[in-house]
Amino acid sequence: MADTRILLVDDEKEVTALLAKRLVRRGYQCDTAADGLQAVEAMREQPFPIVVMDVKMPNMDGIAALKIIVEPVSYTHLRAH
């Protein structure tokens, strides 16, 4: 798990801070972004194997960001909750 990086995306900093704290305790490496634009930039700089993203955010919502993020990559399984 130590090699597994997760990008947490939410405009509510308390949410990403809490999730990051819990995931780091379990051995994951976490980075955060405050909106879809920041998430897209983070993925362009260094792709993450796991992204946990809110849907309603300022600047760019999670759905729009997801469309940009997954476009250049072929996934065999994509699951949304």
PDB file of N, CA and C in Angstrom:
ATOM      1  N   MET A   1       0.803  -1.194   0.000  1.00  0.00           N
ATOM      2  CA  MET A   1       0.000   0.000   0.000  1.00  0.00           C
ATOM      3  C   MET A   1       0.847   1.260   0.000  1.00  0.00           C
ATOM      4  N   ALA A   2       2.039   1.204   0.512  1.00  0.00           N
ATOM      5  CA  ALA A   2       2.879   2.393   0.616  1.00  0.00           C
ATOM      6  C   ALA A   2       3.120   3.036  -0.747  1.00  0.00           C
ATOM      7  N   ASP A   3       3.042   2.253  -1.810  1.00  0.00           N
ATOM      8  CA  ASP A   3       3.246   2.788  -3.148  1.00  0.00           C
ATOM      9  C   ASP A   3       1.965   3.362  -3.749  1.00  0.00           C
ATOM     10  N   THR A   4       0.836   3.105  -3.116  1.00  0.00           N
ATOM     11  CA  THR A   4      -0.433   3.542  -3.673  1.00  0.00           C
ATOM     12  C   THR A   4      -0.691   4.998  -3.328  1.00  0.00           C
ATOM     13  N   ARG A   5      -0.839   5.802  -4.379  1.00  0.00           N
ATOM     14  CA  ARG A   5      -1.099   7.229  -4.223  1.00  0.00           C
ATOM     15  C   ARG A   5      -2.553   7.506  -4.537  1.00  0.00           C
ATOM     16  N   ILE A   6      -3.161   8.380  -3.730  1.00  0.00           N
ATOM     17  CA  ILE A   6      -4.566   8.735  -3.907  1.00  0.00           C
ATOM     18  C   ILE A   6      -4.686  10.252  -3.998  1.00  0.00           C
ATOM     19  N   LEU A   7      -5.447  10.713  -4.991  1.00  0.00           N
ATOM     20  CA  LEU A   7      -5.757  12.134  -5.110  1.00  0.00           C
ATOM     21  C   LEU A   7      -7.159  12.357  -4.560  1.00  0.00           C
ATOM     22  N   LEU A   8      -7.262  13.202  -3.543  1.00  0.00           N
ATOM     23  CA  LEU A   8      -8.539  13.538  -2.918  1.00  0.00           C
ATOM     24  C   LEU A   8      -8.948  14.927  -3.387  1.00  0.00           C
ATOM     25  N   VAL A   9     -10.151  15.035  -3.967  1.00  0.00           N
ATOM     26  CA  VAL A   9     -10.585  16.298  -4.561  1.00  0.00           C
ATOM     27  C   VAL A   9     -11.921  16.725  -3.968  1.00  0.00           C
ATOM     28  N   ASP A  10     -11.916  17.859  -3.288  1.00  0.00           N
ATOM     29  CA  ASP A  10     -13.137  18.404  -2.711  1.00  0.00           C
ATOM     30  C   ASP A  10     -12.884  19.866  -2.371  1.00  0.00           C
ATOM     31  N   ASP A  11     -13.893  20.709  -2.554  1.00  0.00           N
ATOM     32  CA  ASP A  11     -13.736  22.118  -2.217  1.00  0.00           C
ATOM     33  C   ASP A  11     -13.847  22.367  -0.715  1.00  0.00           C
ATOM     34  N   GLU A  12     -14.255  21.369   0.039  1.00  0.00           N
ATOM     35  CA  GLU A  12     -14.306  21.475   1.495  1.00  0.00           C
ATOM     36  C   GLU A  12     -13.027  20.873   2.062  1.00  0.00           C
ATOM     37  N   LYS A  13     -12.119  21.738   2.497  1.00  0.00           N
ATOM     38  CA  LYS A  13     -10.806  21.278   2.965  1.00  0.00           C
ATOM     39  C   LYS A  13     -10.897  20.315   4.147  1.00  0.00           C
ATOM     40  N   GLU A  14     -11.932  20.471   4.962  1.00  0.00           N
ATOM     41  CA  GLU A  14     -12.096  19.579   6.110  1.00  0.00           C
ATOM     42  C   GLU A  14     -12.312  18.138   5.648  1.00  0.00           C
ATOM     43  N   VAL A  15     -13.022  17.973   4.549  1.00  0.00           N
ATOM     44  CA  VAL A  15     -13.305  16.633   4.024  1.00  0.00           C
ATOM     45  C   VAL A  15     -12.017  15.967   3.553  1.00  0.00           C
ATOM     46  N   THR A  16     -11.238  16.681   2.732  1.00  0.00           N
ATOM     47  CA  THR A  16      -9.999  16.072   2.229  1.00  0.00           C
ATOM     48  C   THR A  16      -9.000  15.850   3.359  1.00  0.00           C
ATOM     49  N   ALA A  17      -8.967  16.753   4.340  1.00  0.00           N
ATOM     50  CA  ALA A  17      -8.037  16.588   5.470  1.00  0.00           C
ATOM     51  C   ALA A  17      -8.386  15.341   6.280  1.00  0.00           C
ATOM     52  N   LEU A  18      -9.666  15.136   6.534  1.00  0.00           N
ATOM     53  CA  LEU A  18     -10.094  13.963   7.295  1.00  0.00           C
ATOM     54  C   LEU A  18      -9.810  12.670   6.531  1.00  0.00           C
ATOM     55  N   LEU A  19     -10.179  12.646   5.254  1.00  0.00           N
ATOM     56  CA  LEU A  19      -9.915  11.449   4.446  1.00  0.00           C
ATOM     57  C   LEU A  19      -8.421  11.159   4.361  1.00  0.00           C
ATOM     58  N   ALA A  20      -7.634  12.198   4.125  1.00  0.00           N
ATOM     59  CA  ALA A  20      -6.180  12.010   4.016  1.00  0.00           C
ATOM     60  C   ALA A  20      -5.614  11.452   5.321  1.00  0.00           C
ATOM     61  N   LYS A  21      -6.040  11.996   6.434  1.00  0.00           N
ATOM     62  CA  LYS A  21      -5.549  11.534   7.735  1.00  0.00           C
ATOM     63  C   LYS A  21      -5.831  10.044   7.934  1.00  0.00           C
ATOM     64  N   ARG A  22      -7.031   9.628   7.596  1.00  0.00           N
ATOM     65  CA  ARG A  22      -7.404   8.220   7.777  1.00  0.00           C
ATOM     66  C   ARG A  22      -6.656   7.306   6.802  1.00  0.00           C
ATOM     67  N   LEU A  23      -6.513   7.750   5.565  1.00  0.00           N
ATOM     68  CA  LEU A  23      -5.834   6.925   4.557  1.00  0.00           C
ATOM     69  C   LEU A  23      -4.326   6.837   4.809  1.00  0.00           C
ATOM     70  N   VAL A  24      -3.729   7.926   5.255  1.00  0.00           N
ATOM     71  CA  VAL A  24      -2.294   7.914   5.564  1.00  0.00           C
ATOM     72  C   VAL A  24      -2.020   6.929   6.708  1.00  0.00           C
ATOM     73  N   ARG A  25      -2.904   6.906   7.694  1.00  0.00           N
ATOM     74  CA  ARG A  25      -2.757   5.945   8.802  1.00  0.00           C
ATOM     75  C   ARG A  25      -2.762   4.500   8.306  1.00  0.00           C
ATOM     76  N   ARG A  26      -3.424   4.274   7.181  1.00  0.00           N
ATOM     77  CA  ARG A  26      -3.504   2.927   6.607  1.00  0.00           C
ATOM     78  C   ARG A  26      -2.415   2.667   5.577  1.00  0.00           C
ATOM     79  N   GLY A  27      -1.491   3.624   5.439  1.00  0.00           N
ATOM     80  CA  GLY A  27      -0.340   3.399   4.591  1.00  0.00           C
ATOM     81  C   GLY A  27      -0.395   3.964   3.189  1.00  0.00           C
ATOM     82  N   TYR A  28      -1.428   4.745   2.871  1.00  0.00           N
ATOM     83  CA  TYR A  28      -1.539   5.345   1.544  1.00  0.00           C
ATOM     84  C   TYR A  28      -0.851   6.707   1.514  1.00  0.00           C
ATOM     85  N   GLN A  29      -0.445   7.117   0.336  1.00  0.00           N
ATOM     86  CA  GLN A  29       0.091   8.457   0.124  1.00  0.00           C
ATOM     87  C   GLN A  29      -1.028   9.290  -0.478  1.00  0.00           C
ATOM     88  N   CYS A  30      -1.327  10.447   0.115  1.00  0.00           N
ATOM     89  CA  CYS A  30      -2.445  11.259  -0.350  1.00  0.00           C
ATOM     90  C   CYS A  30      -2.008  12.662  -0.729  1.00  0.00           C
ATOM     91  N   ASP A  31      -2.575  13.150  -1.821  1.00  0.00           N
ATOM     92  CA  ASP A  31      -2.465  14.544  -2.226  1.00  0.00           C
ATOM     93  C   ASP A  31      -3.888  15.060  -2.350  1.00  0.00           C
ATOM     94  N   THR A  32      -4.048  16.382  -2.271  1.00  0.00           N
ATOM     95  CA  THR A  32      -5.381  16.960  -2.346  1.00  0.00           C
ATOM     96  C   THR A  32      -5.466  18.041  -3.423  1.00  0.00           C
ATOM     97  N   ALA A  33      -6.683  18.272  -3.880  1.00  0.00           N
ATOM     98  CA  ALA A  33      -6.987  19.347  -4.813  1.00  0.00           C
ATOM     99  C   ALA A  33      -8.329  19.933  -4.392  1.00  0.00           C
ATOM    100  N   ALA A  34      -8.507  21.238  -4.622  1.00  0.00           N
ATOM    101  CA  ALA A  34      -9.708  21.926  -4.154  1.00  0.00           C
ATOM    102  C   ALA A  34     -10.826  22.006  -5.192  1.00  0.00           C
ATOM    103  N   ASP A  35     -10.526  21.651  -6.440  1.00  0.00           N
ATOM    104  CA  ASP A  35     -11.559  21.678  -7.474  1.00  0.00           C
ATOM    105  C   ASP A  35     -11.111  20.846  -8.669  1.00  0.00           C
ATOM    106  N   GLY A  36     -11.990  20.750  -9.650  1.00  0.00           N
ATOM    107  CA  GLY A  36     -11.696  19.938 -10.824  1.00  0.00           C
ATOM    108  C   GLY A  36     -10.486  20.414 -11.613  1.00  0.00           C
ATOM    109  N   LEU A  37     -10.305  21.729 -11.706  1.00  0.00           N
ATOM    110  CA  LEU A  37      -9.139  22.254 -12.434  1.00  0.00           C
ATOM    111  C   LEU A  37      -7.834  21.805 -11.794  1.00  0.00           C
ATOM    112  N   GLN A  38      -7.764  21.902 -10.477  1.00  0.00           N
ATOM    113  CA  GLN A  38      -6.562  21.451  -9.770  1.00  0.00           C
ATOM    114  C   GLN A  38      -6.359  19.946  -9.923  1.00  0.00           C
ATOM    115  N   ALA A  39      -7.444  19.198  -9.950  1.00  0.00           N
ATOM    116  CA  ALA A  39      -7.344  17.753 -10.127  1.00  0.00           C
ATOM    117  C   ALA A  39      -6.778  17.405 -11.497  1.00  0.00           C
ATOM    118  N   VAL A  40      -7.257  18.088 -12.534  1.00  0.00           N
ATOM    119  CA  VAL A  40      -6.761  17.848 -13.893  1.00  0.00           C
ATOM    120  C   VAL A  40      -5.266  18.172 -13.968  1.00  0.00           C
ATOM    121  N   GLU A  41      -4.870  19.291 -13.380  1.00  0.00           N
ATOM    122  CA  GLU A  41      -3.449  19.670 -13.378  1.00  0.00           C
ATOM    123  C   GLU A  41      -2.607  18.636 -12.633  1.00  0.00           C
ATOM    124  N   ALA A  42      -3.100  18.179 -11.484  1.00  0.00           N
ATOM    125  CA  ALA A  42      -2.360  17.175 -10.706  1.00  0.00           C
ATOM    126  C   ALA A  42      -2.194  15.885 -11.502  1.00  0.00           C
ATOM    127  N   MET A  43      -3.240  15.481 -12.211  1.00  0.00           N
ATOM    128  CA  MET A  43      -3.167  14.250 -13.004  1.00  0.00           C
ATOM    129  C   MET A  43      -2.232  14.409 -14.198  1.00  0.00           C
ATOM    130  N   ARG A  44      -2.145  15.602 -14.749  1.00  0.00           N
ATOM    131  CA  ARG A  44      -1.229  15.837 -15.873  1.00  0.00           C
ATOM    132  C   ARG A  44       0.220  15.820 -15.410  1.00  0.00           C
ATOM    133  N   GLU A  45       0.471  16.333 -14.206  1.00  0.00           N
ATOM    134  CA  GLU A  45       1.828  16.358 -13.662  1.00  0.00           C
ATOM    135  C   GLU A  45       2.316  14.963 -13.323  1.00  0.00           C
ATOM    136  N   GLN A  46       1.482  14.210 -12.634  1.00  0.00           N
ATOM    137  CA  GLN A  46       1.851  12.856 -12.220  1.00  0.00           C
ATOM    138  C   GLN A  46       0.572  12.081 -11.938  1.00  0.00           C
ATOM    139  N   PRO A  47       0.152  11.220 -12.861  1.00  0.00           N
ATOM    140  CA  PRO A  47      -1.120  10.503 -12.703  1.00  0.00           C
ATOM    141  C   PRO A  47      -1.214   9.689 -11.404  1.00  0.00           C
ATOM    142  N   PHE A  48      -2.404   9.671 -10.845  1.00  0.00           N
ATOM    143  CA  PHE A  48      -2.703   8.902  -9.638  1.00  0.00           C
ATOM    144  C   PHE A  48      -3.503   7.672 -10.041  1.00  0.00           C
ATOM    145  N   PRO A  49      -3.240   6.519  -9.427  1.00  0.00           N
ATOM    146  CA  PRO A  49      -4.028   5.332  -9.745  1.00  0.00           C
ATOM    147  C   PRO A  49      -5.441   5.392  -9.157  1.00  0.00           C
ATOM    148  N   ILE A  50      -5.617   6.217  -8.101  1.00  0.00           N
ATOM    149  CA  ILE A  50      -6.919   6.331  -7.447  1.00  0.00           C
ATOM    150  C   ILE A  50      -7.241   7.811  -7.254  1.00  0.00           C
ATOM    151  N   VAL A  51      -8.469   8.190  -7.636  1.00  0.00           N
ATOM    152  CA  VAL A  51      -8.950   9.559  -7.430  1.00  0.00           C
ATOM    153  C   VAL A  51     -10.308   9.473  -6.739  1.00  0.00           C
ATOM    154  N   VAL A  52     -10.445  10.181  -5.624  1.00  0.00           N
ATOM    155  CA  VAL A  52     -11.717  10.294  -4.922  1.00  0.00           C
ATOM    156  C   VAL A  52     -12.138  11.752  -5.085  1.00  0.00           C
ATOM    157  N   MET A  53     -13.262  11.974  -5.805  1.00  0.00           N
ATOM    158  CA  MET A  53     -13.613  13.336  -6.181  1.00  0.00           C
ATOM    159  C   MET A  53     -15.077  13.665  -5.895  1.00  0.00           C
ATOM    160  N   ASP A  54     -15.285  14.855  -5.362  1.00  0.00           N
ATOM    161  CA  ASP A  54     -16.623  15.399  -5.165  1.00  0.00           C
ATOM    162  C   ASP A  54     -17.202  15.748  -6.536  1.00  0.00           C
ATOM    163  N   VAL A  55     -18.508  15.851  -6.627  1.00  0.00           N
ATOM    164  CA  VAL A  55     -19.138  16.200  -7.896  1.00  0.00           C
ATOM    165  C   VAL A  55     -19.355  17.714  -7.994  1.00  0.00           C
ATOM    166  N   LYS A  56     -19.926  18.323  -6.971  1.00  0.00           N
ATOM    167  CA  LYS A  56     -20.243  19.752  -7.005  1.00  0.00           C
ATOM    168  C   LYS A  56     -19.098  20.560  -6.398  1.00  0.00           C
ATOM    169  N   MET A  57     -18.369  21.273  -7.268  1.00  0.00           N
ATOM    170  CA  MET A  57     -17.251  22.114  -6.839  1.00  0.00           C
ATOM    171  C   MET A  57     -17.195  23.351  -7.725  1.00  0.00           C
ATOM    172  N   PRO A  58     -16.576  24.421  -7.234  1.00  0.00           N
ATOM    173  CA  PRO A  58     -16.429  25.621  -8.067  1.00  0.00           C
ATOM    174  C   PRO A  58     -15.390  25.409  -9.172  1.00  0.00           C
ATOM    175  N   ASN A  59     -15.360  26.321 -10.120  1.00  0.00           N
ATOM    176  CA  ASN A  59     -14.417  26.329 -11.248  1.00  0.00           C
ATOM    177  C   ASN A  59     -14.654  25.194 -12.238  1.00  0.00           C
ATOM    178  N   MET A  60     -14.558  23.968 -11.796  1.00  0.00           N
ATOM    179  CA  MET A  60     -14.843  22.813 -12.653  1.00  0.00           C
ATOM    180  C   MET A  60     -15.382  21.707 -11.758  1.00  0.00           C
ATOM    181  N   ASP A  61     -16.560  21.179 -12.104  1.00  0.00           N
ATOM    182  CA  ASP A  61     -17.141  20.128 -11.265  1.00  0.00           C
ATOM    183  C   ASP A  61     -16.453  18.784 -11.507  1.00  0.00           C
ATOM    184  N   GLY A  62     -16.769  17.827 -10.669  1.00  0.00           N
ATOM    185  CA  GLY A  62     -16.132  16.525 -10.741  1.00  0.00           C
ATOM    186  C   GLY A  62     -16.403  15.763 -12.024  1.00  0.00           C
ATOM    187  N   ILE A  63     -17.590  15.904 -12.582  1.00  0.00           N
ATOM    188  CA  ILE A  63     -17.933  15.193 -13.821  1.00  0.00           C
ATOM    189  C   ILE A  63     -17.102  15.727 -14.983  1.00  0.00           C
ATOM    190  N   ALA A  64     -17.008  17.041 -15.104  1.00  0.00           N
ATOM    191  CA  ALA A  64     -16.206  17.646 -16.182  1.00  0.00           C
ATOM    192  C   ALA A  64     -14.735  17.258 -16.038  1.00  0.00           C
ATOM    193  N   ALA A  65     -14.237  17.273 -14.813  1.00  0.00           N
ATOM    194  CA  ALA A  65     -12.842  16.890 -14.574  1.00  0.00           C
ATOM    195  C   ALA A  65     -12.619  15.425 -14.931  1.00  0.00           C
ATOM    196  N   LEU A  66     -13.547  14.574 -14.544  1.00  0.00           N
ATOM    197  CA  LEU A  66     -13.438  13.148 -14.836  1.00  0.00           C
ATOM    198  C   LEU A  66     -13.366  12.890 -16.336  1.00  0.00           C
ATOM    199  N   LYS A  67     -14.185  13.605 -17.102  1.00  0.00           N
ATOM    200  CA  LYS A  67     -14.163  13.434 -18.557  1.00  0.00           C
ATOM    201  C   LYS A  67     -12.791  13.775 -19.138  1.00  0.00           C
ATOM    202  N   ILE A  68     -12.156  14.800 -18.613  1.00  0.00           N
ATOM    203  CA  ILE A  68     -10.825  15.191 -19.094  1.00  0.00           C
ATOM    204  C   ILE A  68      -9.774  14.194 -18.625  1.00  0.00           C
ATOM    205  N   ILE A  69      -9.879  13.772 -17.377  1.00  0.00           N
ATOM    206  CA  ILE A  69      -8.876  12.872 -16.790  1.00  0.00           C
ATOM    207  C   ILE A  69      -8.858  11.521 -17.499  1.00  0.00           C
ATOM    208  N   VAL A  70     -10.017  10.945 -17.775  1.00  0.00           N
ATOM    209  CA  VAL A  70     -10.049   9.597 -18.335  1.00  0.00           C
ATOM    210  C   VAL A  70      -9.914   9.567 -19.856  1.00  0.00           C
ATOM    211  N   GLU A  71     -10.050  10.693 -20.514  1.00  0.00           N
ATOM    212  CA  GLU A  71      -9.998  10.722 -21.968  1.00  0.00           C
ATOM    213  C   GLU A  71      -8.741  10.086 -22.564  1.00  0.00           C
ATOM    214  N   PRO A  72      -7.542  10.470 -22.129  1.00  0.00           N
ATOM    215  CA  PRO A  72      -6.352   9.902 -22.768  1.00  0.00           C
ATOM    216  C   PRO A  72      -5.974   8.504 -22.281  1.00  0.00           C
ATOM    217  N   VAL A  73      -6.685   7.996 -21.282  1.00  0.00           N
ATOM    218  CA  VAL A  73      -6.313   6.715 -20.683  1.00  0.00           C
ATOM    219  C   VAL A  73      -7.413   5.695 -20.931  1.00  0.00           C
ATOM    220  N   SER A  74      -7.028   4.480 -21.232  1.00  0.00           N
ATOM    221  CA  SER A  74      -7.991   3.407 -21.425  1.00  0.00           C
ATOM    222  C   SER A  74      -8.083   2.582 -20.147  1.00  0.00           C
ATOM    223  N   TYR A  75      -9.250   2.551 -19.547  1.00  0.00           N
ATOM    224  CA  TYR A  75      -9.455   1.779 -18.330  1.00  0.00           C
ATOM    225  C   TYR A  75     -10.337   0.577 -18.651  1.00  0.00           C
ATOM    226  N   THR A  76     -10.047  -0.531 -18.010  1.00  0.00           N
ATOM    227  CA  THR A  76     -10.880  -1.711 -18.212  1.00  0.00           C
ATOM    228  C   THR A  76     -12.074  -1.700 -17.287  1.00  0.00           C
ATOM    229  N   HIS A  77     -11.962  -0.940 -16.170  1.00  0.00           N
ATOM    230  CA  HIS A  77     -13.058  -0.901 -15.201  1.00  0.00           C
ATOM    231  C   HIS A  77     -13.089   0.477 -14.546  1.00  0.00           C
ATOM    232  N   LEU A  78     -14.187   1.176 -14.677  1.00  0.00           N
ATOM    233  CA  LEU A  78     -14.370   2.464 -14.048  1.00  0.00           C
ATOM    234  C   LEU A  78     -15.657   2.407 -13.260  1.00  0.00           C
ATOM    235  N   ARG A  79     -15.582   2.768 -11.988  1.00  0.00           N
ATOM    236  CA  ARG A  79     -16.741   2.641 -11.122  1.00  0.00           C
ATOM    237  C   ARG A  79     -16.992   3.952 -10.403  1.00  0.00           C
ATOM    238  N   ALA A  80     -18.199   4.449 -10.442  1.00  0.00           N
ATOM    239  CA  ALA A  80     -18.565   5.684  -9.753  1.00  0.00           C
ATOM    240  C   ALA A  80     -19.550   5.359  -8.643  1.00  0.00           C
ATOM    241  N   HIS A  81     -19.444   6.113  -7.556  1.00  0.00           N
ATOM    242  CA  HIS A  81     -20.366   5.942  -6.419  1.00  0.00           C
ATOM    243  C   HIS A  81     -21.064   7.241  -6.163  1.00  0.00           C
TER     244      HIS A  81
END
